[in-house]
Amino acid sequence: MTEIDTLAAKLAAAKEAEDAAKAIRIQAEQALIDLLGCLDEGAKTHKGEAWKVTITGKVNRTLDVACWEAIKTYIPEAFRPVKYKPEIDVTGLKWLKDNQPGVYATVCQAISAKPGKPSVTFSEIK
């Protein structure tokens, strides 16, 4: 076996152990939720003799932008519960870097960048 094979096998075994541990954790969380209950939204703390457990209910909300644009004029501006925030168009930024370096240099004054965590994928060769 090569060093690649040895390290990939080690990674595969760690991933399998991690997946098994995650399944056990999820089962334990669900048992606590079944025992203690869960608010639709918000947190509630429960105390045992040795452990304190907080269960937080969450509601994920998404905005139908087209619908919002159609109805927002009917809602007074002070009562509009929608925020707009600028975000980077990475594809456009890369295009500027390759095609308009002067504009890119100006834009980069407002952008900071730092390396992210590299990802490793693996699959067994059969």
Protein backbone atom coordinates (compact mmCIF):
# COMPACT_ATOMS: atom_id res chain seq x y z
CA MET A 1 0.00 0.00 0.00
CA THR A 2 1.17 3.49 -0.76
CA GLU A 3 1.16 6.33 1.76
CA ILE A 4 -1.92 7.71 -0.03
CA ASP A 5 -3.71 4.38 0.53
CA THR A 6 -2.69 4.25 4.20
CA LEU A 7 -3.82 7.80 4.92
CA ALA A 8 -7.04 7.45 2.90
CA ALA A 9 -7.89 4.23 4.78
CA LYS A 10 -7.25 6.04 8.07
CA LEU A 11 -9.52 8.88 6.90
CA ALA A 12 -12.24 6.42 5.85
CA ALA A 13 -12.11 4.68 9.25
CA ALA A 14 -12.28 8.03 11.06
CA LYS A 15 -15.24 9.11 8.92
CA GLU A 16 -17.05 5.84 9.68
CA ALA A 17 -16.43 6.29 13.42
CA GLU A 18 -17.57 9.92 13.17
CA ASP A 19 -20.78 8.89 11.37
CA ALA A 20 -21.50 6.26 14.03
CA ALA A 21 -20.87 8.78 16.83
CA LYS A 22 -23.12 11.31 15.09
CA ALA A 23 -25.96 8.76 14.87
CA ILE A 24 -25.60 8.03 18.60
CA ARG A 25 -25.59 11.77 19.40
CA ILE A 26 -28.71 12.38 17.32
CA GLN A 27 -30.46 9.47 19.05
CA ALA A 28 -29.53 10.86 22.49
CA GLU A 29 -30.71 14.36 21.53
CA GLN A 30 -34.05 12.97 20.33
CA ALA A 31 -34.47 10.97 23.57
CA LEU A 32 -33.96 14.19 25.57
CA ILE A 33 -36.44 16.05 23.35
CA ASP A 34 -38.97 13.23 23.77
CA LEU A 35 -38.48 13.33 27.55
CA LEU A 36 -38.40 17.10 28.08
CA GLY A 37 -40.33 18.52 25.13
CA CYS A 38 -39.40 21.31 22.80
CA LEU A 39 -40.83 24.78 22.28
CA ASP A 40 -41.81 25.64 18.71
CA GLU A 41 -39.37 28.53 18.94
CA GLY A 42 -37.09 29.55 21.78
CA ALA A 43 -35.05 27.85 24.48
CA LYS A 44 -35.95 26.09 27.69
CA THR A 45 -33.39 24.83 30.20
CA HIS A 46 -33.85 21.72 32.34
CA LYS A 47 -31.65 20.69 35.27
CA GLY A 48 -30.87 17.21 36.43
CA GLU A 49 -28.58 16.37 39.33
CA ALA A 50 -25.39 16.42 37.28
CA TRP A 51 -26.38 17.94 33.94
CA LYS A 52 -28.13 21.03 32.64
CA VAL A 53 -29.81 20.61 29.26
CA THR A 54 -31.11 23.42 27.08
CA ILE A 55 -33.41 22.53 24.20
CA THR A 56 -33.90 25.23 21.60
CA GLY A 57 -36.74 25.09 19.10
CA LYS A 58 -36.09 26.81 15.80
CA VAL A 59 -38.15 28.00 12.88
CA ASN A 60 -36.32 28.46 9.58
CA ARG A 61 -37.88 31.19 7.51
CA THR A 62 -37.26 32.01 3.87
CA LEU A 63 -38.43 34.95 1.82
CA ASP A 64 -40.27 34.63 -1.47
CA VAL A 65 -38.60 37.69 -3.00
CA ALA A 66 -41.00 38.00 -5.94
CA CYS A 67 -44.02 37.89 -3.63
CA TRP A 68 -42.40 40.36 -1.22
CA GLU A 69 -41.69 42.80 -4.04
CA ALA A 70 -45.34 42.57 -5.09
CA ILE A 71 -46.74 43.29 -1.61
CA LYS A 72 -44.18 45.52 0.09
CA THR A 73 -45.78 48.77 -1.07
CA TYR A 74 -48.88 47.85 0.98
CA ILE A 75 -46.83 47.70 4.17
CA PRO A 76 -45.66 50.92 5.82
CA GLU A 77 -41.88 51.19 5.52
CA ALA A 78 -41.46 51.34 9.32
CA PHE A 79 -43.16 47.93 9.61
CA ARG A 80 -41.32 46.04 6.86
CA PRO A 81 -39.56 43.06 8.48
CA VAL A 82 -37.14 42.49 5.59
CA LYS A 83 -33.49 43.56 5.42
CA TYR A 84 -31.35 43.81 2.33
CA LYS A 85 -27.62 43.34 2.62
CA PRO A 86 -24.91 43.61 0.02
CA GLU A 87 -23.02 40.44 -0.75
CA ILE A 88 -20.09 39.62 -2.97
CA ASP A 89 -20.77 38.17 -6.43
CA VAL A 90 -17.71 35.92 -6.53
CA THR A 91 -18.16 35.05 -10.21
CA GLY A 92 -18.30 38.74 -11.11
CA LEU A 93 -15.32 39.48 -8.88
CA LYS A 94 -13.24 36.80 -10.61
CA TRP A 95 -14.31 38.16 -14.00
CA LEU A 96 -13.16 41.64 -12.97
CA LYS A 97 -9.81 40.22 -11.85
CA ASP A 98 -9.26 38.61 -15.26
CA ASN A 99 -10.81 41.29 -17.48
CA GLN A 100 -10.78 44.64 -15.66
CA PRO A 101 -7.78 44.63 -13.29
CA GLY A 102 -8.05 48.38 -12.59
CA VAL A 103 -11.68 48.12 -11.53
CA TYR A 104 -10.83 44.93 -9.62
CA ALA A 105 -8.10 46.75 -7.67
CA THR A 106 -10.56 49.46 -6.67
CA VAL A 107 -13.25 46.93 -5.66
CA CYS A 108 -10.73 44.97 -3.58
CA GLN A 109 -10.33 47.95 -1.26
CA ALA A 110 -13.74 46.99 0.15
CA ILE A 111 -13.18 43.22 0.26
CA SER A 112 -11.08 41.13 2.59
CA ALA A 113 -10.23 37.54 1.79
CA LYS A 114 -8.71 34.74 3.83
CA PRO A 115 -8.04 31.10 3.02
CA GLY A 116 -10.79 28.65 3.90
CA LYS A 117 -10.42 25.10 5.19
CA PRO A 118 -9.35 22.78 2.37
CA SER A 119 -11.67 19.86 1.72
CA VAL A 120 -10.64 16.28 1.11
CA THR A 121 -12.85 13.78 -0.67
CA PHE A 122 -12.09 10.11 -0.91
CA SER A 123 -13.49 6.95 -2.39
CA GLU A 124 -12.31 3.40 -2.32
CA ILE A 125 -11.06 1.97 -5.62
CA LYS A 126 -12.65 -1.42 -6.20
